[in-house]
């Protein structure tokens, strides 16, 4: 699977991406708001293999895609759309994105997320897309807002992070909101 924007190519991950995926998910800055670091390359190999297996499901629910700069094909991150099991069409999907720090604040996360949101509503026909982050992750929250998502909830002291209780925010966009903004 492949999607494109003016600056980016989004494509399904492949076995050749293991080193880039490991570099992304073992990066301290990338993981500063997440708790899913890859401790070694063997873990990443299994992770990519599980993704490749998930791509084969029918109907497909996993759209975890490599994000490449269109001009150079440099791997800069991952954007992920996971469709809930119970409701493939007319259901709900979760959006996540992870980018190497040297590519932060350039609009890539927003650009990649927007094209995946478009795919979700226009091709998969999902009804709702949700995303969330720790309240202190203002960069990620900005991406959600730029993608047309609106805050649905702020969970007070939702999780313990670095020894302290922290809040989590969740955003969403509905299919009808997406189509009304396109007109």
N, C-alpha and C. Protein backbone atom coordinates (compact mmCIF):
# COMPACT_ATOMS: atom_id res chain seq x y z
N UNK A 1 0.84 -1.18 0.00
CA UNK A 1 0.00 0.00 0.00
C UNK A 1 0.89 1.24 0.00
N UNK A 2 0.47 2.25 -0.75
CA UNK A 2 1.24 3.49 -0.81
C UNK A 2 0.31 4.69 -0.96
N UNK A 3 0.62 5.74 -0.20
CA UNK A 3 -0.07 7.02 -0.29
C UNK A 3 1.01 8.09 -0.49
N UNK A 4 0.66 9.19 -1.14
CA UNK A 4 1.63 10.25 -1.34
C UNK A 4 1.03 11.62 -1.04
N UNK A 5 1.92 12.54 -0.70
CA UNK A 5 1.58 13.95 -0.55
C UNK A 5 2.60 14.71 -1.40
N UNK A 6 2.56 16.01 -1.34
CA UNK A 6 3.53 16.78 -2.12
C UNK A 6 4.96 16.54 -1.67
N UNK A 7 5.17 16.22 -0.38
CA UNK A 7 6.53 16.05 0.13
C UNK A 7 6.85 14.63 0.61
N UNK A 8 5.83 13.79 0.76
CA UNK A 8 6.02 12.51 1.44
C UNK A 8 5.49 11.33 0.64
N UNK A 9 6.10 10.18 0.90
CA UNK A 9 5.58 8.90 0.46
C UNK A 9 5.30 8.08 1.70
N UNK A 10 4.11 7.53 1.81
CA UNK A 10 3.75 6.64 2.91
C UNK A 10 3.55 5.27 2.29
N UNK A 11 4.22 4.25 2.83
CA UNK A 11 4.10 2.91 2.28
C UNK A 11 4.14 1.88 3.40
N UNK A 12 3.60 0.72 3.08
CA UNK A 12 3.66 -0.38 4.05
C UNK A 12 5.11 -0.66 4.41
N UNK A 13 5.33 -1.01 5.66
CA UNK A 13 6.67 -1.38 6.10
C UNK A 13 7.07 -2.71 5.48
N UNK A 14 8.37 -2.93 5.38
CA UNK A 14 8.88 -4.20 4.86
C UNK A 14 10.07 -4.63 5.72
N UNK A 15 10.55 -5.85 5.50
CA UNK A 15 11.66 -6.37 6.30
C UNK A 15 12.90 -5.48 6.22
N UNK A 16 13.10 -4.81 5.08
CA UNK A 16 14.26 -3.95 4.91
C UNK A 16 14.23 -2.71 5.80
N UNK A 17 13.09 -2.44 6.43
CA UNK A 17 12.95 -1.26 7.29
C UNK A 17 13.35 -1.50 8.74
N UNK A 18 13.79 -2.69 9.07
CA UNK A 18 14.05 -3.04 10.47
C UNK A 18 15.01 -2.06 11.14
N UNK A 19 16.09 -1.71 10.50
CA UNK A 19 17.09 -0.83 11.13
C UNK A 19 16.50 0.57 11.38
N UNK A 20 15.72 1.07 10.43
CA UNK A 20 15.10 2.39 10.59
C UNK A 20 14.05 2.37 11.69
N UNK A 21 13.26 1.31 11.73
CA UNK A 21 12.24 1.18 12.77
C UNK A 21 12.91 1.09 14.14
N UNK A 22 14.00 0.33 14.22
CA UNK A 22 14.73 0.23 15.48
C UNK A 22 15.28 1.60 15.90
N UNK A 23 15.87 2.32 14.95
CA UNK A 23 16.41 3.65 15.26
C UNK A 23 15.31 4.58 15.78
N UNK A 24 14.13 4.49 15.19
CA UNK A 24 13.01 5.33 15.61
C UNK A 24 12.55 4.96 17.02
N UNK A 25 12.24 3.69 17.22
CA UNK A 25 11.64 3.26 18.48
C UNK A 25 12.64 3.04 19.61
N UNK A 26 13.91 3.21 19.34
CA UNK A 26 14.90 3.16 20.43
C UNK A 26 15.44 4.56 20.73
N UNK A 27 14.95 5.57 20.01
CA UNK A 27 15.40 6.94 20.21
C UNK A 27 14.79 7.52 21.49
N UNK A 28 15.64 8.01 22.37
CA UNK A 28 15.18 8.52 23.67
C UNK A 28 14.19 9.67 23.50
N UNK A 29 14.45 10.59 22.59
CA UNK A 29 13.55 11.74 22.40
C UNK A 29 12.19 11.30 21.87
N UNK A 30 12.18 10.37 20.93
CA UNK A 30 10.92 9.86 20.38
C UNK A 30 10.10 9.20 21.48
N UNK A 31 10.77 8.49 22.35
CA UNK A 31 10.09 7.75 23.40
C UNK A 31 9.80 8.59 24.64
N UNK A 32 10.14 9.88 24.63
CA UNK A 32 9.98 10.70 25.82
C UNK A 32 8.54 10.81 26.30
N UNK A 33 7.56 10.60 25.43
CA UNK A 33 6.15 10.62 25.83
C UNK A 33 5.49 9.26 25.66
N UNK A 34 6.27 8.24 25.34
CA UNK A 34 5.72 6.92 25.07
C UNK A 34 6.40 5.88 25.95
N UNK A 35 5.77 4.75 26.06
CA UNK A 35 6.36 3.67 26.84
C UNK A 35 6.38 2.40 26.00
N UNK A 36 7.00 2.50 24.82
CA UNK A 36 7.13 1.32 23.99
C UNK A 36 8.47 1.26 23.29
N UNK A 37 9.56 1.51 24.04
CA UNK A 37 10.87 1.48 23.40
C UNK A 37 11.28 0.07 22.98
N UNK A 38 12.02 0.01 21.90
CA UNK A 38 12.57 -1.26 21.43
C UNK A 38 13.96 -1.41 22.05
N UNK A 39 14.11 -2.42 22.87
CA UNK A 39 15.35 -2.59 23.63
C UNK A 39 16.48 -3.18 22.81
N UNK A 40 16.14 -3.94 21.76
CA UNK A 40 17.19 -4.52 20.92
C UNK A 40 16.63 -4.81 19.53
N UNK A 41 17.52 -5.07 18.60
CA UNK A 41 17.14 -5.27 17.20
C UNK A 41 16.27 -6.52 17.02
N UNK A 42 16.48 -7.53 17.84
CA UNK A 42 15.66 -8.75 17.73
C UNK A 42 14.20 -8.45 18.03
N UNK A 43 13.96 -7.59 19.02
CA UNK A 43 12.59 -7.18 19.34
C UNK A 43 11.97 -6.49 18.12
N UNK A 44 12.74 -5.61 17.47
CA UNK A 44 12.23 -4.88 16.31
C UNK A 44 11.96 -5.83 15.16
N UNK A 45 12.80 -6.83 14.96
CA UNK A 45 12.56 -7.81 13.89
C UNK A 45 11.22 -8.51 14.10
N UNK A 46 10.94 -8.89 15.35
CA UNK A 46 9.65 -9.54 15.65
C UNK A 46 8.49 -8.56 15.45
N UNK A 47 8.71 -7.32 15.85
CA UNK A 47 7.69 -6.28 15.68
C UNK A 47 7.33 -6.11 14.21
N UNK A 48 8.33 -5.99 13.35
CA UNK A 48 8.08 -5.83 11.91
C UNK A 48 7.43 -7.08 11.34
N UNK A 49 7.88 -8.26 11.77
CA UNK A 49 7.26 -9.49 11.28
C UNK A 49 5.78 -9.54 11.66
N UNK A 50 5.46 -9.15 12.89
CA UNK A 50 4.05 -9.12 13.31
C UNK A 50 3.23 -8.14 12.48
N UNK A 51 3.83 -7.01 12.12
CA UNK A 51 3.14 -6.05 11.25
C UNK A 51 2.88 -6.64 9.88
N UNK A 52 3.88 -7.31 9.31
CA UNK A 52 3.72 -7.92 8.00
C UNK A 52 2.61 -8.97 8.03
N UNK A 53 2.53 -9.71 9.12
CA UNK A 53 1.44 -10.68 9.28
C UNK A 53 0.09 -9.96 9.40
N UNK A 54 0.06 -8.86 10.14
CA UNK A 54 -1.18 -8.10 10.31
C UNK A 54 -1.67 -7.52 8.98
N UNK A 55 -0.74 -7.17 8.10
CA UNK A 55 -1.13 -6.64 6.79
C UNK A 55 -1.93 -7.67 6.00
N UNK A 56 -1.75 -8.94 6.30
CA UNK A 56 -2.40 -10.01 5.54
C UNK A 56 -3.82 -10.32 6.03
N UNK A 57 -4.20 -9.76 7.16
CA UNK A 57 -5.55 -10.00 7.67
C UNK A 57 -6.59 -9.53 6.67
N UNK A 58 -7.71 -10.21 6.66
CA UNK A 58 -8.80 -9.80 5.78
C UNK A 58 -10.08 -9.74 6.59
N UNK A 59 -10.68 -8.59 6.71
CA UNK A 59 -10.24 -7.33 6.14
C UNK A 59 -9.03 -6.77 6.90
N UNK A 60 -8.24 -6.00 6.19
CA UNK A 60 -7.04 -5.41 6.79
C UNK A 60 -7.46 -4.34 7.79
N UNK A 61 -6.84 -4.38 8.96
CA UNK A 61 -7.12 -3.40 10.02
C UNK A 61 -5.91 -2.54 10.35
N UNK A 62 -4.70 -3.02 10.02
CA UNK A 62 -3.46 -2.35 10.40
C UNK A 62 -2.86 -1.61 9.21
N UNK A 63 -2.73 -0.32 9.38
CA UNK A 63 -2.11 0.52 8.35
C UNK A 63 -0.96 1.30 8.98
N UNK A 64 0.03 0.57 9.48
CA UNK A 64 1.23 1.18 10.03
C UNK A 64 2.19 1.36 8.86
N UNK A 65 2.46 2.63 8.52
CA UNK A 65 3.17 2.95 7.29
C UNK A 65 4.46 3.71 7.55
N UNK A 66 5.48 3.35 6.79
CA UNK A 66 6.73 4.12 6.80
C UNK A 66 6.47 5.45 6.14
N UNK A 67 7.05 6.52 6.68
CA UNK A 67 6.96 7.85 6.08
C UNK A 67 8.34 8.20 5.54
N UNK A 68 8.39 8.46 4.24
CA UNK A 68 9.64 8.77 3.55
C UNK A 68 9.56 10.15 2.92
N UNK A 69 10.69 10.86 2.91
CA UNK A 69 10.75 12.09 2.15
C UNK A 69 10.68 11.72 0.66
N UNK A 70 9.79 12.37 -0.06
CA UNK A 70 9.54 12.00 -1.45
C UNK A 70 10.79 12.14 -2.32
N UNK A 71 11.54 13.22 -2.14
CA UNK A 71 12.70 13.47 -3.00
C UNK A 71 13.85 12.49 -2.77
N UNK A 72 14.11 12.14 -1.52
CA UNK A 72 15.29 11.32 -1.21
C UNK A 72 14.95 9.90 -0.79
N UNK A 73 13.67 9.62 -0.49
CA UNK A 73 13.22 8.34 0.04
C UNK A 73 13.83 8.03 1.42
N UNK A 74 14.26 9.07 2.14
CA UNK A 74 14.78 8.91 3.49
C UNK A 74 13.63 8.57 4.44
N UNK A 75 13.81 7.54 5.25
CA UNK A 75 12.84 7.14 6.27
C UNK A 75 12.88 8.18 7.39
N UNK A 76 11.72 8.81 7.67
CA UNK A 76 11.71 9.84 8.72
C UNK A 76 10.75 9.52 9.86
N UNK A 77 9.90 8.50 9.68
CA UNK A 77 8.97 8.18 10.75
C UNK A 77 7.95 7.14 10.34
N UNK A 78 6.95 7.02 11.20
CA UNK A 78 5.86 6.07 11.00
C UNK A 78 4.56 6.75 11.36
N UNK A 79 3.53 6.47 10.56
CA UNK A 79 2.18 6.89 10.89
C UNK A 79 1.33 5.62 10.90
N UNK A 80 0.41 5.53 11.84
CA UNK A 80 -0.33 4.29 12.02
C UNK A 80 -1.82 4.56 12.17
N UNK A 81 -2.60 3.78 11.46
CA UNK A 81 -4.05 3.78 11.63
C UNK A 81 -4.46 2.35 11.94
N UNK A 82 -5.07 2.16 13.08
CA UNK A 82 -5.52 0.83 13.51
C UNK A 82 -7.04 0.85 13.60
N UNK A 83 -7.69 0.04 12.76
CA UNK A 83 -9.15 -0.02 12.74
C UNK A 83 -9.60 -1.06 13.76
N UNK A 84 -10.61 -0.69 14.55
CA UNK A 84 -11.10 -1.63 15.57
C UNK A 84 -11.62 -2.91 14.94
N UNK A 85 -11.43 -3.99 15.65
CA UNK A 85 -11.81 -5.31 15.16
C UNK A 85 -13.31 -5.45 14.91
N UNK A 86 -14.12 -4.96 15.81
CA UNK A 86 -15.56 -5.20 15.72
C UNK A 86 -16.24 -4.45 14.58
N UNK A 87 -15.70 -3.31 14.24
CA UNK A 87 -16.37 -2.46 13.26
C UNK A 87 -15.37 -1.99 12.22
N UNK A 88 -15.21 -2.74 11.17
CA UNK A 88 -14.26 -2.32 10.15
C UNK A 88 -14.85 -1.13 9.40
N UNK A 89 -15.92 -1.36 8.66
CA UNK A 89 -16.57 -0.25 7.96
C UNK A 89 -17.55 0.43 8.91
N UNK A 90 -17.61 1.74 8.85
CA UNK A 90 -18.51 2.54 9.67
C UNK A 90 -18.14 2.45 11.16
N UNK A 91 -16.90 2.15 11.43
CA UNK A 91 -16.47 2.00 12.81
C UNK A 91 -15.49 3.07 13.25
N UNK A 92 -14.57 2.69 14.10
CA UNK A 92 -13.65 3.61 14.74
C UNK A 92 -12.22 3.16 14.46
N UNK A 93 -11.33 4.14 14.33
CA UNK A 93 -9.92 3.84 14.12
C UNK A 93 -9.09 4.74 15.03
N UNK A 94 -7.90 4.25 15.37
CA UNK A 94 -6.96 5.02 16.21
C UNK A 94 -5.78 5.44 15.36
N UNK A 95 -5.37 6.68 15.51
CA UNK A 95 -4.27 7.26 14.76
C UNK A 95 -3.08 7.53 15.69
N UNK A 96 -1.89 7.13 15.24
CA UNK A 96 -0.65 7.40 15.97
C UNK A 96 0.41 7.83 14.97
N UNK A 97 1.42 8.54 15.45
CA UNK A 97 2.52 8.97 14.57
C UNK A 97 3.78 9.11 15.41
N UNK A 98 4.91 8.76 14.77
CA UNK A 98 6.21 8.78 15.43
C UNK A 98 7.23 9.26 14.40
N UNK A 99 7.99 10.29 14.73
CA UNK A 99 8.96 10.85 13.79
C UNK A 99 10.30 11.06 14.48
N UNK A 100 11.37 10.92 13.70
CA UNK A 100 12.71 11.19 14.22
C UNK A 100 12.79 12.67 14.59
N UNK A 101 13.45 13.00 15.70
CA UNK A 101 13.48 14.38 16.20
C UNK A 101 13.97 15.42 15.19
N UNK A 102 14.89 15.03 14.32
CA UNK A 102 15.40 16.00 13.35
C UNK A 102 14.34 16.39 12.30
N UNK A 103 13.21 15.71 12.34
CA UNK A 103 12.11 16.01 11.41
C UNK A 103 10.87 16.55 12.13
N UNK A 104 11.03 16.92 13.39
CA UNK A 104 9.93 17.54 14.14
C UNK A 104 9.78 19.00 13.71
N UNK A 105 8.60 19.54 13.90
CA UNK A 105 8.30 20.95 13.64
C UNK A 105 8.49 21.35 12.18
N UNK A 106 8.27 20.41 11.27
CA UNK A 106 8.35 20.70 9.84
C UNK A 106 7.03 20.41 9.14
N UNK A 107 6.04 20.00 9.92
CA UNK A 107 4.72 19.72 9.35
C UNK A 107 4.56 18.32 8.80
N UNK A 108 5.58 17.47 8.92
CA UNK A 108 5.49 16.12 8.36
C UNK A 108 4.45 15.25 9.07
N UNK A 109 4.38 15.32 10.39
CA UNK A 109 3.41 14.50 11.13
C UNK A 109 1.99 14.89 10.74
N UNK A 110 1.74 16.19 10.60
CA UNK A 110 0.41 16.65 10.20
C UNK A 110 0.10 16.21 8.78
N UNK A 111 1.06 16.39 7.87
CA UNK A 111 0.86 16.04 6.46
C UNK A 111 0.59 14.54 6.30
N UNK A 112 1.38 13.71 6.97
CA UNK A 112 1.19 12.26 6.89
C UNK A 112 -0.13 11.85 7.54
N UNK A 113 -0.45 12.45 8.67
CA UNK A 113 -1.70 12.11 9.36
C UNK A 113 -2.92 12.50 8.53
N UNK A 114 -2.86 13.65 7.90
CA UNK A 114 -4.00 14.11 7.09
C UNK A 114 -4.28 13.16 5.93
N UNK A 115 -3.24 12.68 5.25
CA UNK A 115 -3.47 11.78 4.12
C UNK A 115 -3.99 10.43 4.60
N UNK A 116 -3.57 10.00 5.79
CA UNK A 116 -4.09 8.74 6.34
C UNK A 116 -5.53 8.91 6.81
N UNK A 117 -5.86 10.07 7.36
CA UNK A 117 -7.25 10.37 7.74
C UNK A 117 -8.14 10.36 6.50
N UNK A 118 -7.67 10.99 5.44
CA UNK A 118 -8.43 11.01 4.18
C UNK A 118 -8.69 9.57 3.71
N UNK A 119 -7.66 8.74 3.72
CA UNK A 119 -7.79 7.33 3.33
C UNK A 119 -8.82 6.62 4.22
N UNK A 120 -8.75 6.87 5.51
CA UNK A 120 -9.67 6.20 6.44
C UNK A 120 -11.12 6.56 6.16
N UNK A 121 -11.40 7.83 5.91
CA UNK A 121 -12.78 8.25 5.68
C UNK A 121 -13.25 7.96 4.26
N UNK A 122 -12.40 8.17 3.28
CA UNK A 122 -12.83 8.06 1.89
C UNK A 122 -12.73 6.65 1.31
N UNK A 123 -11.83 5.83 1.84
CA UNK A 123 -11.66 4.48 1.31
C UNK A 123 -12.19 3.42 2.28
N UNK A 124 -11.79 3.53 3.55
CA UNK A 124 -12.22 2.53 4.52
C UNK A 124 -13.61 2.81 5.08
N UNK A 125 -14.08 4.04 4.93
CA UNK A 125 -15.41 4.42 5.41
C UNK A 125 -15.57 4.32 6.92
N UNK A 126 -14.50 4.59 7.66
CA UNK A 126 -14.65 4.61 9.11
C UNK A 126 -15.52 5.80 9.51
N UNK A 127 -16.10 5.74 10.68
CA UNK A 127 -16.96 6.81 11.15
C UNK A 127 -16.22 7.79 12.05
N UNK A 128 -15.21 7.30 12.77
CA UNK A 128 -14.54 8.13 13.77
C UNK A 128 -13.07 7.75 13.85
N UNK A 129 -12.23 8.77 14.00
CA UNK A 129 -10.80 8.54 14.21
C UNK A 129 -10.42 9.24 15.50
N UNK A 130 -9.72 8.52 16.37
CA UNK A 130 -9.30 9.06 17.65
C UNK A 130 -7.78 9.03 17.76
N UNK A 131 -7.26 9.91 18.60
CA UNK A 131 -5.84 9.94 18.90
C UNK A 131 -5.69 10.57 20.27
N UNK A 132 -4.59 10.29 20.93
CA UNK A 132 -4.39 10.86 22.26
C UNK A 132 -2.93 10.94 22.62
N UNK A 133 -2.66 11.70 23.67
CA UNK A 133 -1.28 11.88 24.13
C UNK A 133 -1.28 12.38 25.57
N UNK A 134 -0.13 12.37 26.17
CA UNK A 134 0.02 13.01 27.47
C UNK A 134 -0.19 14.51 27.28
N UNK A 135 -0.84 15.15 28.21
CA UNK A 135 -1.16 16.58 28.10
C UNK A 135 0.09 17.42 27.90
N UNK A 136 1.21 16.98 28.43
CA UNK A 136 2.45 17.74 28.30
C UNK A 136 3.08 17.66 26.91
N UNK A 137 2.57 16.80 26.05
CA UNK A 137 3.11 16.65 24.70
C UNK A 137 2.41 17.63 23.76
N UNK A 138 2.77 18.90 23.86
CA UNK A 138 2.07 19.95 23.12
C UNK A 138 2.27 19.83 21.61
N UNK A 139 3.39 19.27 21.17
CA UNK A 139 3.62 19.07 19.74
C UNK A 139 2.63 18.08 19.15
N UNK A 140 2.42 16.98 19.82
CA UNK A 140 1.47 15.98 19.35
C UNK A 140 0.04 16.51 19.39
N UNK A 141 -0.28 17.24 20.43
CA UNK A 141 -1.61 17.83 20.54
C UNK A 141 -1.85 18.82 19.39
N UNK A 142 -0.83 19.56 19.00
CA UNK A 142 -0.94 20.51 17.89
C UNK A 142 -1.22 19.78 16.58
N UNK A 143 -0.59 18.63 16.38
CA UNK A 143 -0.84 17.84 15.17
C UNK A 143 -2.32 17.45 15.10
N UNK A 144 -2.87 16.97 16.20
CA UNK A 144 -4.27 16.56 16.22
C UNK A 144 -5.18 17.73 15.85
N UNK A 145 -4.92 18.88 16.41
CA UNK A 145 -5.73 20.07 16.11
C UNK A 145 -5.62 20.45 14.64
N UNK A 146 -4.41 20.42 14.08
CA UNK A 146 -4.21 20.79 12.68
C UNK A 146 -4.88 19.79 11.73
N UNK A 147 -5.11 18.59 12.21
CA UNK A 147 -5.80 17.56 11.41
C UNK A 147 -7.31 17.67 11.52
N UNK A 148 -7.80 18.70 12.21
CA UNK A 148 -9.23 18.91 12.34
C UNK A 148 -9.87 18.16 13.49
N UNK A 149 -9.06 17.56 14.32
CA UNK A 149 -9.59 16.82 15.46
C UNK A 149 -9.94 17.79 16.58
N UNK A 150 -10.93 17.41 17.36
CA UNK A 150 -11.35 18.21 18.50
C UNK A 150 -11.19 17.40 19.78
N UNK A 151 -10.91 18.11 20.86
CA UNK A 151 -10.71 17.42 22.13
C UNK A 151 -12.04 16.81 22.59
N UNK A 152 -11.95 15.57 23.03
CA UNK A 152 -13.12 14.87 23.57
C UNK A 152 -13.01 14.68 25.07
N UNK A 153 -11.78 14.56 25.55
CA UNK A 153 -11.63 14.29 26.98
C UNK A 153 -10.23 14.64 27.45
N UNK A 154 -10.17 15.04 28.70
CA UNK A 154 -8.89 15.14 29.40
C UNK A 154 -9.03 14.30 30.66
N UNK A 155 -8.20 13.30 30.74
CA UNK A 155 -8.23 12.39 31.88
C UNK A 155 -7.20 12.85 32.90
N UNK A 156 -7.67 13.29 34.04
CA UNK A 156 -6.81 13.81 35.10
C UNK A 156 -6.02 12.68 35.76
N UNK A 157 -4.75 12.92 35.99
CA UNK A 157 -3.87 11.95 36.63
C UNK A 157 -4.13 10.54 36.09
N UNK A 158 -4.11 10.43 34.79
CA UNK A 158 -4.49 9.20 34.09
C UNK A 158 -3.43 8.09 34.19
N UNK A 159 -2.18 8.51 34.20
CA UNK A 159 -1.12 7.51 34.22
C UNK A 159 0.09 8.07 34.96
N UNK A 160 0.90 7.18 35.46
CA UNK A 160 2.13 7.61 36.12
C UNK A 160 3.24 7.63 35.07
N UNK A 161 3.91 8.75 34.98
CA UNK A 161 4.97 8.91 34.00
C UNK A 161 6.18 9.55 34.69
N UNK A 162 7.30 8.88 34.61
CA UNK A 162 8.51 9.36 35.29
C UNK A 162 8.26 9.64 36.77
N UNK A 163 7.48 8.78 37.39
CA UNK A 163 7.24 8.88 38.83
C UNK A 163 6.16 9.86 39.24
N UNK A 164 5.50 10.53 38.29
CA UNK A 164 4.46 11.49 38.62
C UNK A 164 3.17 11.16 37.87
N UNK A 165 2.04 11.49 38.50
CA UNK A 165 0.76 11.33 37.84
C UNK A 165 0.58 12.44 36.81
N UNK A 166 0.20 12.06 35.59
CA UNK A 166 0.06 13.04 34.51
C UNK A 166 -1.30 12.87 33.82
N UNK A 167 -1.74 13.95 33.19
CA UNK A 167 -3.01 13.96 32.47
C UNK A 167 -2.81 13.46 31.04
N UNK A 168 -3.88 12.92 30.49
CA UNK A 168 -3.92 12.47 29.10
C UNK A 168 -5.08 13.16 28.40
N UNK A 169 -4.86 13.59 27.15
CA UNK A 169 -5.92 14.19 26.36
C UNK A 169 -6.23 13.28 25.18
N UNK A 170 -7.51 13.26 24.79
CA UNK A 170 -7.92 12.48 23.63
C UNK A 170 -8.71 13.37 22.69
N UNK A 171 -8.37 13.25 21.41
CA UNK A 171 -9.00 14.01 20.35
C UNK A 171 -9.69 13.06 19.38
N UNK A 172 -10.64 13.60 18.60
CA UNK A 172 -11.32 12.78 17.61
C UNK A 172 -11.84 13.66 16.48
N UNK A 173 -12.12 13.01 15.37
CA UNK A 173 -12.81 13.63 14.25
C UNK A 173 -13.79 12.60 13.69
N UNK A 174 -14.99 13.05 13.38
CA UNK A 174 -16.02 12.20 12.81
C UNK A 174 -16.03 12.34 11.29
N UNK A 175 -16.51 11.32 10.61
CA UNK A 175 -16.60 11.35 9.15
C UNK A 175 -17.40 12.56 8.68
N UNK A 176 -18.54 12.84 9.33
CA UNK A 176 -19.37 13.97 8.88
C UNK A 176 -18.63 15.30 9.06
N UNK A 177 -17.80 15.42 10.10
CA UNK A 177 -17.02 16.64 10.31
C UNK A 177 -15.95 16.77 9.22
N UNK A 178 -15.31 15.65 8.89
CA UNK A 178 -14.30 15.66 7.86
C UNK A 178 -14.88 16.12 6.52
N UNK A 179 -16.01 15.55 6.13
CA UNK A 179 -16.60 15.90 4.85
C UNK A 179 -17.18 17.31 4.84
N UNK A 180 -17.68 17.79 5.97
CA UNK A 180 -18.20 19.16 6.01
C UNK A 180 -17.08 20.19 5.90
N UNK A 181 -15.89 19.87 6.37
CA UNK A 181 -14.76 20.80 6.29
C UNK A 181 -14.13 20.79 4.90
N UNK A 182 -14.32 19.72 4.15
CA UNK A 182 -13.75 19.63 2.80
C UNK A 182 -14.52 20.49 1.82
N UNK A 183 -15.79 20.76 2.08
CA UNK A 183 -16.64 21.48 1.12
C UNK A 183 -16.38 22.96 1.15
